[in-house]
Amino acid sequence: DKRQLSPALMGEDLSGIRIGYIELTANPRIAGDVRTNTRASLAAWEAMGAEVEEVTDKIDWIEYEGRVLYQAGFAVTCAQYLPKWQNQMDPVTLAFMERGAKFTLADFRNAQFARTTLFRKIQSLFERYDFLVTPTNARTALDVTHDAANDEVVIDGVKCGITRQGWTSYQYPFNLTGHPALGLRHRWPTDLGPDRGQMGRRDRRAAPGRPSGAGAAVGSAPTGGGVTYCESDYYCIYDNSCASPSIRRSGRSRSTSAGWISLLPAWCSAIGI
């Protein structure tokens, strides 16, 4: 079965592979270059035989509940450092800690229940799809003066909420569910930095491999390109200039294995890596 991890995925024939595309999560908008590059990657994989379908399921992306878990976690984890380091800590972190300390135990437990519901919903999608693909960020990098604690993200002149609502909204849900993901660079975006995207599937996270083969079909990448991958607690972390697709697998393993990215060189080659 080609949909299982096998050397067959190293080739340029993706027939039988089912890809579900999610264009929006909690974010209300997506920048034009992000959409263009993500869809170009999908078109390349579709040309190699993959079946690509837009996911139309109604999904509660639990932005608020995720924020409860995130900021309450900061409040508890970092409180020990305040006596010595508060005057040197990032102001955004301090703001998140202050807000997180105001959540109740009931808020936290309800957020955990919501996380379980989200996990089950995402897992159910993998009954239909082998991979889920999303952009990595809703737009490219924010200005260096952007206040992540208070400023809204602007896309095409429209305010889209704080960063987790309007920019990194593709990332935090999979931090919460634990589904392994892979960031791939597609092209240089129109404003700055290399585009990246993320890919997810069902098994363990893998160490990065040097791809060749499914990325060249979309376009060439600058010298030094490759896969962005980080062994974080939940999934990979991307640079701030992301404007490309992201691919996710199902499963919830936190163990490391030399695995599935090394089996997908053609996918990466097809999008210019």
Protein backbone atom coordinates (compact mmCIF):
# COMPACT_ATOMS: atom_id res chain seq x y z
CA ASP A 1 0.00 0.00 0.00
CA LYS A 2 1.74 3.14 -1.22
CA ARG A 3 -0.03 5.18 1.43
CA GLN A 4 2.06 3.49 4.10
CA LEU A 5 5.65 4.58 4.60
CA SER A 6 7.65 2.88 1.92
CA PRO A 7 10.48 3.56 -0.55
CA ALA A 8 7.75 4.11 -3.16
CA LEU A 9 7.25 7.60 -1.73
CA MET A 10 10.78 8.49 -2.87
CA GLY A 11 9.67 8.36 -6.49
CA GLU A 12 7.66 10.78 -8.58
CA ASP A 13 4.47 8.73 -8.67
CA LEU A 14 2.06 9.82 -5.93
CA SER A 15 -0.95 7.99 -7.31
CA GLY A 16 -3.17 6.76 -4.51
CA ILE A 17 -1.98 9.43 -2.06
CA ARG A 18 -4.87 11.48 -0.67
CA ILE A 19 -4.16 15.08 0.37
CA GLY A 20 -6.61 17.25 2.29
CA TYR A 21 -6.05 20.99 1.95
CA ILE A 22 -7.09 23.41 4.72
CA GLU A 23 -6.80 27.02 3.58
CA LEU A 24 -8.13 28.78 6.68
CA THR A 25 -8.18 27.78 10.33
CA ALA A 26 -8.90 30.44 12.98
CA ASN A 27 -7.58 33.16 10.66
CA PRO A 28 -10.12 35.24 8.69
CA ARG A 29 -7.79 35.98 5.76
CA ILE A 30 -4.74 34.69 3.93
CA ALA A 31 -2.25 36.77 1.95
CA GLY A 32 -2.29 36.37 -1.81
CA ASP A 33 1.32 35.17 -2.12
CA VAL A 34 0.76 32.57 0.59
CA ARG A 35 -2.31 31.21 -1.20
CA THR A 36 -0.57 31.24 -4.58
CA ASN A 37 2.50 29.35 -3.39
CA THR A 38 0.54 26.83 -1.38
CA ARG A 39 -1.77 26.04 -4.27
CA ALA A 40 1.20 25.80 -6.64
CA SER A 41 2.67 23.12 -4.39
CA LEU A 42 -0.62 21.25 -4.35
CA ALA A 43 -0.80 21.45 -8.13
CA ALA A 44 2.69 19.97 -8.42
CA TRP A 45 1.81 17.02 -6.20
CA GLU A 46 -1.49 16.58 -8.02
CA ALA A 47 0.41 16.43 -11.31
CA MET A 48 2.43 13.58 -9.80
CA GLY A 49 -0.79 11.63 -9.24
CA ALA A 50 -1.89 12.67 -5.74
CA GLU A 51 -5.58 13.23 -5.12
CA VAL A 52 -6.03 16.73 -3.70
CA GLU A 53 -9.27 17.83 -2.04
CA GLU A 54 -10.16 20.91 -0.02
CA VAL A 55 -11.33 20.05 3.49
CA THR A 56 -14.77 21.59 4.01
CA ASP A 57 -15.52 20.15 7.47
CA LYS A 58 -16.58 22.64 10.12
CA ILE A 59 -13.78 22.60 12.71
CA ASP A 60 -13.57 24.48 15.98
CA TRP A 61 -9.92 25.51 16.08
CA ILE A 62 -10.21 26.37 19.81
CA GLU A 63 -8.24 29.61 19.54
CA TYR A 64 -9.45 30.87 22.91
CA GLU A 65 -8.97 27.54 24.68
CA GLY A 66 -5.54 27.19 23.14
CA ARG A 67 -4.70 30.64 24.41
CA VAL A 68 -5.75 29.59 27.91
CA LEU A 69 -3.38 26.63 27.84
CA TYR A 70 -0.57 28.68 26.30
CA GLN A 71 -0.70 31.71 28.56
CA ALA A 72 -1.51 29.79 31.75
CA GLY A 73 1.47 27.59 30.95
CA PHE A 74 3.70 30.67 30.76
CA ALA A 75 2.30 31.97 34.04
CA VAL A 76 3.12 28.78 35.94
CA THR A 77 6.34 27.75 34.20
CA CYS A 78 8.04 31.13 34.23
CA ALA A 79 6.88 32.44 37.62
CA GLN A 80 10.00 31.04 39.24
CA TYR A 81 12.18 33.35 37.14
CA LEU A 82 10.42 36.61 37.98
CA PRO A 83 12.30 37.51 41.18
CA LYS A 84 15.67 37.42 39.43
CA TRP A 85 14.95 38.05 35.77
CA GLN A 86 11.71 40.01 35.42
CA ASN A 87 13.40 43.25 34.38
CA GLN A 88 15.24 41.40 31.60
CA MET A 89 12.40 39.19 30.34
CA ASP A 90 10.58 39.74 27.06
CA PRO A 91 7.65 42.15 27.62
CA VAL A 92 5.37 39.96 25.50
CA THR A 93 6.13 36.95 27.69
CA LEU A 94 5.40 39.01 30.78
CA ALA A 95 2.09 40.17 29.30
CA PHE A 96 1.12 36.58 28.51
CA MET A 97 2.04 35.52 32.03
CA GLU A 98 -0.11 38.26 33.55
CA ARG A 99 -3.09 37.21 31.44
CA GLY A 100 -2.49 33.53 32.04
CA ALA A 101 -2.51 33.99 35.80
CA LYS A 102 -6.09 35.25 35.60
CA PHE A 103 -7.53 32.05 34.14
CA THR A 104 -9.27 29.71 36.57
CA LEU A 105 -8.78 26.00 37.06
CA ALA A 106 -12.14 25.50 35.36
CA ASP A 107 -10.89 27.52 32.35
CA PHE A 108 -7.82 25.32 32.15
CA ARG A 109 -9.71 22.03 32.44
CA ASN A 110 -12.30 23.09 29.86
CA ALA A 111 -9.45 24.03 27.53
CA GLN A 112 -7.97 20.55 27.98
CA PHE A 113 -11.32 18.99 27.08
CA ALA A 114 -11.47 21.19 23.98
CA ARG A 115 -7.99 20.04 23.01
CA THR A 116 -9.12 16.41 23.17
CA THR A 117 -12.10 17.23 20.92
CA LEU A 118 -9.82 18.94 18.41
CA PHE A 119 -7.43 15.98 18.41
CA ARG A 120 -10.28 13.58 17.66
CA LYS A 121 -11.56 15.81 14.87
CA ILE A 122 -8.17 16.05 13.20
CA GLN A 123 -7.63 12.33 13.65
CA SER A 124 -10.95 11.65 11.93
CA LEU A 125 -9.73 13.54 8.87
CA PHE A 126 -6.99 10.95 8.48
CA GLU A 127 -9.65 8.36 7.83
CA ARG A 128 -10.09 10.15 4.48
CA TYR A 129 -6.67 11.70 3.87
CA ASP A 130 -3.10 10.50 4.09
CA PHE A 131 -1.72 14.02 4.48
CA LEU A 132 -3.11 17.40 5.50
CA VAL A 133 -1.61 20.49 3.90
CA THR A 134 -1.97 24.08 5.10
CA PRO A 135 0.00 27.28 4.74
CA THR A 136 2.42 27.80 7.62
CA ASN A 137 1.56 31.43 8.35
CA ALA A 138 -1.25 33.60 7.00
CA ARG A 139 1.27 36.17 5.72
CA THR A 140 5.01 36.74 5.65
CA ALA A 141 7.04 38.28 8.47
CA LEU A 142 5.64 41.03 10.66
CA ASP A 143 7.40 44.32 11.16
CA VAL A 144 10.10 44.27 13.83
CA THR A 145 8.14 46.83 15.84
CA HIS A 146 5.02 44.62 15.98
CA ASP A 147 3.82 44.16 19.57
CA ALA A 148 2.71 40.53 19.69
CA ALA A 149 0.91 41.08 22.97
CA ASN A 150 -1.40 43.81 21.71
CA ASP A 151 -1.08 44.68 18.01
CA GLU A 152 -3.31 43.15 15.36
CA VAL A 153 -1.90 41.42 12.30
CA VAL A 154 -2.76 43.26 9.08
CA ILE A 155 -3.30 41.41 5.80
CA ASP A 156 -4.16 43.36 2.64
CA GLY A 157 -4.97 46.38 4.78
CA VAL A 158 -7.41 44.45 6.98
CA LYS A 159 -6.86 43.89 10.70
CA CYS A 160 -7.08 40.17 11.45
CA GLY A 161 -6.62 39.89 15.20
CA ILE A 162 -3.60 39.05 17.36
CA THR A 163 -0.85 36.81 16.03
CA ARG A 164 -2.49 33.50 16.90
CA GLN A 165 -5.72 34.65 15.25
CA GLY A 166 -4.32 36.33 12.18
CA TRP A 167 -0.83 34.95 11.56
CA THR A 168 0.26 31.72 13.29
CA SER A 169 -3.22 30.22 13.41
CA TYR A 170 -2.11 27.17 11.39
CA GLN A 171 0.50 26.22 13.96
CA TYR A 172 -0.99 26.27 17.44
CA PRO A 173 -3.75 23.67 16.75
CA PHE A 174 -1.12 21.08 15.91
CA ASN A 175 1.00 22.12 18.86
CA LEU A 176 -2.05 21.13 20.89
CA THR A 177 -2.97 17.90 19.12
CA GLY A 178 0.62 16.67 18.77
CA HIS A 179 0.28 15.62 15.12
CA PRO A 180 3.75 15.57 13.56
CA ALA A 181 4.37 18.22 10.94
CA LEU A 182 7.01 19.23 8.43
CA GLY A 183 7.90 22.70 7.18
CA LEU A 184 8.90 23.05 3.53
CA ARG A 185 10.22 26.10 1.72
CA HIS A 186 8.54 26.81 -1.61
CA ARG A 187 9.83 30.06 -3.11
CA TRP A 188 10.97 33.50 -2.05
CA PRO A 189 7.85 35.50 -1.19
CA THR A 190 7.15 38.86 -2.78
CA ASP A 191 8.30 40.90 0.21
CA LEU A 192 11.06 39.04 2.07
CA GLY A 193 12.52 35.77 3.24
CA PRO A 194 12.05 32.20 2.03
CA ASP A 195 8.56 30.77 1.86
CA ARG A 196 7.88 27.73 3.96
CA GLY A 197 5.03 25.35 4.48
CA GLN A 198 4.13 22.45 6.71
CA MET A 199 3.13 18.86 6.11
CA GLY A 200 1.65 16.37 8.53
CA ARG A 201 0.87 12.66 8.57
CA ARG A 202 0.27 9.77 10.91
CA ASP A 203 3.57 8.51 12.28
CA ARG A 204 6.54 9.67 14.28
CA ARG A 205 8.47 12.81 13.67
CA ALA A 206 11.63 12.36 11.72
CA ALA A 207 15.01 13.92 11.47
CA PRO A 208 15.46 16.21 8.45
CA GLY A 209 16.73 14.66 5.25
CA ARG A 210 18.15 16.32 2.15
CA PRO A 211 15.32 15.95 -0.34
CA SER A 212 15.57 15.48 -4.06
CA GLY A 213 12.99 14.47 -6.65
CA ALA A 214 8.79 15.74 -5.65
CA GLY A 215 10.05 19.62 -5.10
CA ALA A 216 11.48 20.58 -8.62
CA ALA A 217 8.15 20.61 -10.37
CA VAL A 218 7.04 23.90 -8.82
CA GLY A 219 10.14 26.04 -9.06
CA SER A 220 13.74 26.42 -8.05
CA ALA A 221 14.72 27.45 -4.55
CA PRO A 222 17.69 29.57 -3.51
CA THR A 223 20.92 27.83 -2.66
CA GLY A 224 20.97 26.42 0.81
CA GLY A 225 17.27 25.57 0.88
CA GLY A 226 15.95 22.60 2.72
CA VAL A 227 13.49 21.38 5.26
CA THR A 228 12.79 23.37 8.41
CA TYR A 229 12.44 20.88 11.23
CA CYS A 230 12.69 21.25 14.96
CA GLU A 231 12.39 18.63 17.69
CA SER A 232 10.01 20.65 19.82
CA ASP A 233 7.62 19.05 22.30
CA TYR A 234 4.86 18.93 19.75
CA TYR A 235 5.89 19.66 16.20
CA CYS A 236 8.17 21.68 14.03
CA ILE A 237 8.72 25.39 14.42
CA TYR A 238 8.93 27.61 11.35
CA ASP A 239 10.72 30.83 10.56
CA ASN A 240 8.74 34.07 10.52
CA SER A 241 8.72 34.52 6.76
CA CYS A 242 6.53 31.53 5.97
CA ALA A 243 4.38 31.81 2.87
CA SER A 244 4.17 28.22 1.68
CA PRO A 245 2.39 24.95 2.41
CA SER A 246 2.64 22.87 5.54
CA ILE A 247 2.00 19.15 5.62
CA ARG A 248 0.85 17.15 8.63
CA ARG A 249 0.52 13.52 9.50
CA SER A 250 -1.76 11.80 11.94
CA GLY A 251 -0.64 10.25 15.19
CA ARG A 252 0.62 11.61 18.45
CA SER A 253 4.06 10.21 19.03
CA ARG A 254 6.72 12.37 20.63
CA SER A 255 9.56 9.98 19.91
CA THR A 256 12.16 10.73 17.28
CA SER A 257 12.88 8.41 14.40
CA ALA A 258 14.84 8.78 11.19
CA GLY A 259 11.73 8.49 9.16
CA TRP A 260 9.20 9.91 6.90
CA ILE A 261 10.77 13.06 5.48
CA SER A 262 13.62 10.94 4.15
CA LEU A 263 10.98 8.92 2.30
CA LEU A 264 9.48 11.99 0.59
CA PRO A 265 12.34 13.49 -1.44
CA ALA A 266 10.27 13.79 -4.61
CA TRP A 267 7.62 15.79 -2.79
CA CYS A 268 10.24 18.30 -1.71
CA SER A 269 11.91 18.45 -5.10
CA ALA A 270 8.56 19.21 -6.70
CA ILE A 271 8.26 22.47 -4.77
CA GLY A 272 11.79 23.63 -5.46
CA ILE A 273 13.74 22.38 -2.45
